[in-house]
Amino acid sequence: MTTIASDRKLMLMLCGALLLLIVGVSIFAPKIAENDPRPRTTNGGQMGAKAAYLMLIALGRKTSEWNRPTSELNDGLSGAQAAHTTLILAAPIYDATDRKELVEEIKQFLERGGLVLAAGPSGALLLPG
């Protein structure tokens, strides 16, 4: 009987610790502000792209975030399959000195059959022509 009682006591202590951990994380976890101006797929606010990202998934589109350099867009090994890819430039942040190179990389991507949707003035500046 003492083994069962000690097992119950251990189980109750573990459940209590888990409950404290859940409450602690929910209190101290950083919250995303409703007025976050970054157009990210995780931002569900006014300026966010989460709704569009989730809609594309619901429509059966394969979606992914491209967090690599644009120079890899046209790379034969790790590059995007341009004919089956739409690149969304959601208010990208880049160094003005790199703009000419970025425009050329996006131009090559377009020439390979890719599509580009540019949002915001910084995205529009990367479109060739």
N, C-alpha and C. Protein backbone atom coordinates (compact mmCIF):
# COMPACT_ATOMS: atom_id res chain seq x y z
N MET A 1 0.81 -1.20 0.00
CA MET A 1 0.00 0.00 0.00
C MET A 1 0.85 1.26 0.00
N THR A 2 2.00 1.23 0.63
CA THR A 2 2.84 2.42 0.69
C THR A 2 3.39 2.78 -0.68
N THR A 3 3.59 1.77 -1.53
CA THR A 3 4.08 2.03 -2.88
C THR A 3 3.03 2.79 -3.69
N ILE A 4 1.77 2.40 -3.57
CA ILE A 4 0.69 3.07 -4.29
C ILE A 4 0.53 4.51 -3.80
N ALA A 5 0.61 4.72 -2.50
CA ALA A 5 0.49 6.06 -1.94
C ALA A 5 1.65 6.96 -2.39
N SER A 6 2.85 6.42 -2.41
CA SER A 6 4.00 7.22 -2.84
C SER A 6 3.94 7.50 -4.34
N ASP A 7 3.42 6.53 -5.12
CA ASP A 7 3.24 6.76 -6.56
C ASP A 7 2.22 7.87 -6.81
N ARG A 8 1.13 7.86 -6.06
CA ARG A 8 0.10 8.91 -6.20
C ARG A 8 0.68 10.28 -5.82
N LYS A 9 1.44 10.29 -4.74
CA LYS A 9 2.04 11.54 -4.29
C LYS A 9 2.99 12.09 -5.36
N LEU A 10 3.81 11.21 -5.94
CA LEU A 10 4.73 11.62 -7.00
C LEU A 10 3.96 12.13 -8.22
N MET A 11 2.88 11.44 -8.58
CA MET A 11 2.07 11.84 -9.73
C MET A 11 1.43 13.20 -9.48
N LEU A 12 0.92 13.44 -8.29
CA LEU A 12 0.32 14.74 -7.96
C LEU A 12 1.37 15.84 -7.99
N MET A 13 2.57 15.56 -7.52
CA MET A 13 3.63 16.56 -7.55
C MET A 13 4.03 16.89 -8.99
N LEU A 14 4.12 15.88 -9.84
CA LEU A 14 4.46 16.11 -11.24
C LEU A 14 3.38 16.91 -11.96
N CYS A 15 2.11 16.57 -11.70
CA CYS A 15 1.00 17.32 -12.30
C CYS A 15 1.00 18.77 -11.83
N GLY A 16 1.28 18.99 -10.56
CA GLY A 16 1.35 20.35 -10.03
C GLY A 16 2.49 21.15 -10.67
N ALA A 17 3.64 20.51 -10.84
CA ALA A 17 4.78 21.17 -11.47
C ALA A 17 4.47 21.51 -12.92
N LEU A 18 3.81 20.60 -13.62
CA LEU A 18 3.42 20.83 -15.01
C LEU A 18 2.44 22.00 -15.10
N LEU A 19 1.48 22.03 -14.20
CA LEU A 19 0.51 23.12 -14.19
C LEU A 19 1.20 24.46 -13.93
N LEU A 20 2.14 24.50 -12.99
CA LEU A 20 2.89 25.72 -12.72
C LEU A 20 3.71 26.15 -13.94
N LEU A 21 4.28 25.20 -14.64
CA LEU A 21 5.05 25.50 -15.83
C LEU A 21 4.16 26.09 -16.93
N ILE A 22 3.00 25.52 -17.13
CA ILE A 22 2.07 26.03 -18.14
C ILE A 22 1.63 27.45 -17.81
N VAL A 23 1.27 27.68 -16.56
CA VAL A 23 0.84 29.02 -16.14
C VAL A 23 2.00 30.01 -16.29
N GLY A 24 3.20 29.62 -15.89
CA GLY A 24 4.35 30.50 -16.01
C GLY A 24 4.66 30.89 -17.44
N VAL A 25 4.63 29.92 -18.33
CA VAL A 25 4.90 30.20 -19.75
C VAL A 25 3.83 31.11 -20.34
N SER A 26 2.58 30.87 -20.01
CA SER A 26 1.51 31.70 -20.56
C SER A 26 1.57 33.13 -20.05
N ILE A 27 2.09 33.34 -18.86
CA ILE A 27 2.20 34.69 -18.31
C ILE A 27 3.41 35.42 -18.87
N PHE A 28 4.55 34.74 -18.97
CA PHE A 28 5.79 35.40 -19.34
C PHE A 28 6.13 35.31 -20.82
N ALA A 29 5.36 34.62 -21.63
CA ALA A 29 5.65 34.51 -23.06
C ALA A 29 5.43 35.87 -23.72
N PRO A 30 6.32 36.24 -24.65
CA PRO A 30 6.13 37.54 -25.32
C PRO A 30 4.88 37.52 -26.19
N LYS A 31 4.18 38.61 -26.18
CA LYS A 31 2.95 38.72 -26.96
C LYS A 31 3.21 39.54 -28.21
N ILE A 32 2.55 39.17 -29.29
CA ILE A 32 2.68 39.91 -30.54
C ILE A 32 1.71 41.08 -30.47
N ALA A 33 2.24 42.26 -30.70
CA ALA A 33 1.40 43.45 -30.64
C ALA A 33 0.46 43.50 -31.84
N GLU A 34 -0.74 43.99 -31.62
CA GLU A 34 -1.72 44.11 -32.70
C GLU A 34 -1.27 45.11 -33.76
N ASN A 35 -0.43 46.06 -33.35
CA ASN A 35 0.01 47.09 -34.30
C ASN A 35 1.42 46.83 -34.82
N ASP A 36 1.84 45.58 -34.84
CA ASP A 36 3.16 45.21 -35.34
C ASP A 36 3.19 45.52 -36.84
N PRO A 37 4.11 46.39 -37.29
CA PRO A 37 4.11 46.80 -38.69
C PRO A 37 4.79 45.82 -39.65
N ARG A 38 5.39 44.75 -39.11
CA ARG A 38 6.13 43.82 -39.97
C ARG A 38 5.17 42.85 -40.67
N PRO A 39 5.26 42.76 -42.00
CA PRO A 39 4.37 41.86 -42.75
C PRO A 39 4.88 40.43 -42.73
N ARG A 40 4.80 39.79 -41.59
CA ARG A 40 5.29 38.41 -41.44
C ARG A 40 4.12 37.43 -41.48
N THR A 41 4.43 36.20 -41.79
CA THR A 41 3.38 35.17 -41.84
C THR A 41 2.89 34.78 -40.46
N THR A 42 3.62 35.17 -39.43
CA THR A 42 3.19 34.89 -38.06
C THR A 42 2.45 36.07 -37.45
N ASN A 43 2.38 37.19 -38.16
CA ASN A 43 1.72 38.39 -37.66
C ASN A 43 0.26 38.39 -38.10
N GLY A 44 -0.65 38.25 -37.14
CA GLY A 44 -2.08 38.24 -37.44
C GLY A 44 -2.71 39.61 -37.33
N GLY A 45 -1.90 40.65 -37.12
CA GLY A 45 -2.41 42.01 -37.00
C GLY A 45 -2.75 42.61 -38.36
N GLN A 46 -3.07 43.90 -38.34
CA GLN A 46 -3.47 44.63 -39.54
C GLN A 46 -2.43 44.56 -40.65
N MET A 47 -1.18 44.67 -40.29
CA MET A 47 -0.11 44.71 -41.29
C MET A 47 0.47 43.33 -41.57
N GLY A 48 -0.02 42.31 -40.92
CA GLY A 48 0.53 40.98 -41.04
C GLY A 48 0.07 40.23 -42.28
N ALA A 49 0.76 39.14 -42.55
CA ALA A 49 0.46 38.31 -43.71
C ALA A 49 -0.03 36.92 -43.31
N LYS A 50 -0.39 36.75 -42.05
CA LYS A 50 -0.80 35.43 -41.57
C LYS A 50 -2.06 34.94 -42.27
N ALA A 51 -3.03 35.81 -42.46
CA ALA A 51 -4.29 35.41 -43.11
C ALA A 51 -4.03 34.94 -44.54
N ALA A 52 -3.21 35.67 -45.28
CA ALA A 52 -2.91 35.27 -46.65
C ALA A 52 -2.16 33.94 -46.68
N TYR A 53 -1.24 33.77 -45.75
CA TYR A 53 -0.46 32.53 -45.68
C TYR A 53 -1.37 31.35 -45.39
N LEU A 54 -2.27 31.51 -44.42
CA LEU A 54 -3.19 30.43 -44.08
C LEU A 54 -4.19 30.15 -45.20
N MET A 55 -4.58 31.21 -45.93
CA MET A 55 -5.50 31.02 -47.05
C MET A 55 -4.85 30.20 -48.15
N LEU A 56 -3.59 30.48 -48.45
CA LEU A 56 -2.88 29.72 -49.47
C LEU A 56 -2.79 28.24 -49.09
N ILE A 57 -2.56 27.98 -47.82
CA ILE A 57 -2.50 26.60 -47.33
C ILE A 57 -3.87 25.95 -47.49
N ALA A 58 -4.94 26.68 -47.11
CA ALA A 58 -6.30 26.14 -47.21
C ALA A 58 -6.69 25.86 -48.66
N LEU A 59 -6.14 26.62 -49.60
CA LEU A 59 -6.42 26.40 -51.02
C LEU A 59 -5.62 25.24 -51.61
N GLY A 60 -4.78 24.64 -50.77
CA GLY A 60 -4.01 23.49 -51.22
C GLY A 60 -2.67 23.86 -51.85
N ARG A 61 -2.27 25.11 -51.72
CA ARG A 61 -0.99 25.54 -52.27
C ARG A 61 0.14 25.15 -51.32
N LYS A 62 1.23 24.69 -51.89
CA LYS A 62 2.41 24.41 -51.07
C LYS A 62 3.04 25.75 -50.74
N THR A 63 3.18 26.03 -49.46
CA THR A 63 3.73 27.32 -49.05
C THR A 63 4.95 27.11 -48.17
N SER A 64 5.87 28.03 -48.29
CA SER A 64 7.04 28.02 -47.42
C SER A 64 7.63 29.42 -47.41
N GLU A 65 8.37 29.70 -46.37
CA GLU A 65 9.03 30.99 -46.27
C GLU A 65 10.45 30.85 -46.80
N TRP A 66 10.87 31.83 -47.59
CA TRP A 66 12.22 31.83 -48.13
C TRP A 66 13.04 32.74 -47.25
N ASN A 67 13.86 32.17 -46.40
CA ASN A 67 14.69 32.95 -45.49
C ASN A 67 16.16 32.84 -45.86
N ARG A 68 16.40 32.63 -47.11
CA ARG A 68 17.78 32.51 -47.60
C ARG A 68 18.08 33.71 -48.50
N PRO A 69 19.32 33.90 -48.84
CA PRO A 69 19.66 35.02 -49.74
C PRO A 69 18.98 34.87 -51.10
N THR A 70 18.65 36.00 -51.71
CA THR A 70 18.01 35.94 -53.02
C THR A 70 18.93 35.36 -54.08
N SER A 71 20.23 35.37 -53.82
CA SER A 71 21.17 34.78 -54.78
C SER A 71 20.91 33.29 -54.96
N GLU A 72 20.29 32.65 -53.96
CA GLU A 72 19.99 31.23 -54.05
C GLU A 72 18.70 30.94 -54.83
N LEU A 73 17.95 31.98 -55.19
CA LEU A 73 16.73 31.78 -55.98
C LEU A 73 17.03 31.10 -57.31
N ASN A 74 18.13 31.46 -57.91
CA ASN A 74 18.48 30.97 -59.24
C ASN A 74 19.56 29.90 -59.21
N ASP A 75 19.90 29.41 -58.03
CA ASP A 75 20.89 28.36 -57.86
C ASP A 75 20.28 27.05 -58.34
N GLY A 76 21.00 26.32 -59.14
CA GLY A 76 20.48 25.06 -59.69
C GLY A 76 20.18 24.00 -58.65
N LEU A 77 20.93 23.95 -57.56
CA LEU A 77 20.75 22.91 -56.56
C LEU A 77 19.68 23.26 -55.53
N SER A 78 19.81 24.42 -54.91
CA SER A 78 18.88 24.77 -53.84
C SER A 78 17.86 25.81 -54.27
N GLY A 79 17.90 26.21 -55.51
CA GLY A 79 17.03 27.27 -56.00
C GLY A 79 15.58 26.85 -56.11
N ALA A 80 14.73 27.86 -56.25
CA ALA A 80 13.30 27.62 -56.38
C ALA A 80 12.98 27.15 -57.79
N GLN A 81 11.99 26.33 -57.94
CA GLN A 81 11.49 25.93 -59.25
C GLN A 81 10.63 27.09 -59.74
N ALA A 82 11.25 27.98 -60.51
CA ALA A 82 10.63 29.25 -60.86
C ALA A 82 9.26 29.09 -61.51
N ALA A 83 9.10 28.14 -62.39
CA ALA A 83 7.84 27.98 -63.10
C ALA A 83 6.67 27.63 -62.16
N HIS A 84 6.98 27.13 -60.98
CA HIS A 84 5.95 26.73 -60.02
C HIS A 84 6.00 27.56 -58.74
N THR A 85 6.62 28.73 -58.82
CA THR A 85 6.84 29.51 -57.60
C THR A 85 6.37 30.95 -57.77
N THR A 86 5.70 31.45 -56.75
CA THR A 86 5.37 32.87 -56.66
C THR A 86 6.15 33.43 -55.47
N LEU A 87 7.01 34.37 -55.74
CA LEU A 87 7.82 35.00 -54.71
C LEU A 87 7.07 36.25 -54.24
N ILE A 88 6.81 36.33 -52.96
CA ILE A 88 6.12 37.49 -52.40
C ILE A 88 7.14 38.34 -51.66
N LEU A 89 7.32 39.55 -52.13
CA LEU A 89 8.22 40.50 -51.49
C LEU A 89 7.36 41.41 -50.63
N ALA A 90 7.21 41.04 -49.38
CA ALA A 90 6.34 41.78 -48.45
C ALA A 90 7.16 42.82 -47.70
N ALA A 91 7.24 44.01 -48.27
CA ALA A 91 7.99 45.11 -47.68
C ALA A 91 9.37 44.66 -47.21
N PRO A 92 10.19 44.16 -48.13
CA PRO A 92 11.51 43.65 -47.73
C PRO A 92 12.43 44.77 -47.24
N ILE A 93 13.32 44.40 -46.35
CA ILE A 93 14.31 45.33 -45.83
C ILE A 93 15.65 44.90 -46.41
N TYR A 94 16.33 45.81 -47.06
CA TYR A 94 17.62 45.50 -47.68
C TYR A 94 18.47 46.75 -47.69
N ASP A 95 19.76 46.54 -47.87
CA ASP A 95 20.70 47.65 -47.95
C ASP A 95 20.62 48.26 -49.34
N ALA A 96 20.54 49.58 -49.42
CA ALA A 96 20.39 50.27 -50.70
C ALA A 96 21.54 49.96 -51.65
N THR A 97 22.71 49.68 -51.10
CA THR A 97 23.86 49.37 -51.96
C THR A 97 23.71 48.01 -52.64
N ASP A 98 22.85 47.16 -52.12
CA ASP A 98 22.63 45.83 -52.71
C ASP A 98 21.46 45.81 -53.70
N ARG A 99 20.77 46.92 -53.86
CA ARG A 99 19.54 46.95 -54.66
C ARG A 99 19.76 46.49 -56.09
N LYS A 100 20.82 46.96 -56.74
CA LYS A 100 21.08 46.61 -58.14
C LYS A 100 21.24 45.09 -58.30
N GLU A 101 21.98 44.48 -57.40
CA GLU A 101 22.19 43.03 -57.44
C GLU A 101 20.88 42.28 -57.20
N LEU A 102 20.07 42.75 -56.26
CA LEU A 102 18.78 42.12 -55.96
C LEU A 102 17.85 42.20 -57.16
N VAL A 103 17.82 43.35 -57.82
CA VAL A 103 16.97 43.51 -59.01
C VAL A 103 17.38 42.51 -60.08
N GLU A 104 18.67 42.33 -60.28
CA GLU A 104 19.16 41.39 -61.28
C GLU A 104 18.76 39.94 -60.93
N GLU A 105 18.86 39.58 -59.66
CA GLU A 105 18.48 38.22 -59.25
C GLU A 105 16.99 37.98 -59.44
N ILE A 106 16.18 38.97 -59.12
CA ILE A 106 14.73 38.83 -59.30
C ILE A 106 14.39 38.80 -60.79
N LYS A 107 15.11 39.57 -61.61
CA LYS A 107 14.91 39.55 -63.06
C LYS A 107 15.18 38.16 -63.62
N GLN A 108 16.28 37.52 -63.16
CA GLN A 108 16.59 36.16 -63.61
C GLN A 108 15.49 35.19 -63.19
N PHE A 109 14.99 35.36 -61.98
CA PHE A 109 13.90 34.51 -61.49
C PHE A 109 12.67 34.66 -62.37
N LEU A 110 12.34 35.89 -62.74
CA LEU A 110 11.19 36.14 -63.62
C LEU A 110 11.41 35.54 -65.01
N GLU A 111 12.61 35.65 -65.52
CA GLU A 111 12.93 35.10 -66.84
C GLU A 111 12.83 33.58 -66.86
N ARG A 112 13.01 32.94 -65.72
CA ARG A 112 12.89 31.49 -65.62
C ARG A 112 11.43 31.05 -65.44
N GLY A 113 10.50 32.00 -65.46
CA GLY A 113 9.08 31.66 -65.38
C GLY A 113 8.45 31.89 -64.03
N GLY A 114 9.18 32.46 -63.10
CA GLY A 114 8.62 32.74 -61.78
C GLY A 114 7.70 33.93 -61.78
N LEU A 115 6.89 34.02 -60.76
CA LEU A 115 6.00 35.16 -60.56
C LEU A 115 6.44 35.90 -59.31
N VAL A 116 6.25 37.23 -59.30
CA VAL A 116 6.62 38.04 -58.15
C VAL A 116 5.46 38.95 -57.79
N LEU A 117 5.11 38.94 -56.51
CA LEU A 117 4.12 39.86 -55.96
C LEU A 117 4.87 40.76 -55.00
N ALA A 118 4.94 42.06 -55.32
CA ALA A 118 5.68 43.00 -54.49
C ALA A 118 4.71 43.87 -53.72
N ALA A 119 4.94 43.98 -52.41
CA ALA A 119 4.11 44.81 -51.56
C ALA A 119 4.97 45.88 -50.92
N GLY A 120 4.44 47.08 -50.88
CA GLY A 120 5.15 48.19 -50.27
C GLY A 120 6.16 48.79 -51.21
N PRO A 121 6.60 50.01 -50.91
CA PRO A 121 7.55 50.69 -51.79
C PRO A 121 8.88 49.97 -51.90
N SER A 122 9.36 49.36 -50.81
CA SER A 122 10.66 48.68 -50.87
C SER A 122 10.58 47.43 -51.74
N GLY A 123 9.42 46.79 -51.78
CA GLY A 123 9.25 45.63 -52.66
C GLY A 123 9.17 46.04 -54.12
N ALA A 124 8.47 47.14 -54.39
CA ALA A 124 8.31 47.62 -55.77
C ALA A 124 9.63 48.04 -56.36
N LEU A 125 10.53 48.58 -55.54
CA LEU A 125 11.83 49.02 -56.05
C LEU A 125 12.71 47.87 -56.51
N LEU A 126 12.37 46.64 -56.13
CA LEU A 126 13.18 45.49 -56.54
C LEU A 126 12.73 44.90 -57.86
N LEU A 127 11.60 45.37 -58.37
CA LEU A 127 11.13 44.83 -59.65
C LEU A 127 11.92 45.45 -60.79
N PRO A 128 12.35 44.62 -61.76
CA PRO A 128 13.12 45.17 -62.87
C PRO A 128 12.26 46.06 -63.76
N GLY A 129 12.89 47.05 -64.33
CA GLY A 129 12.18 47.95 -65.24
C GLY A 129 11.39 48.91 -64.46
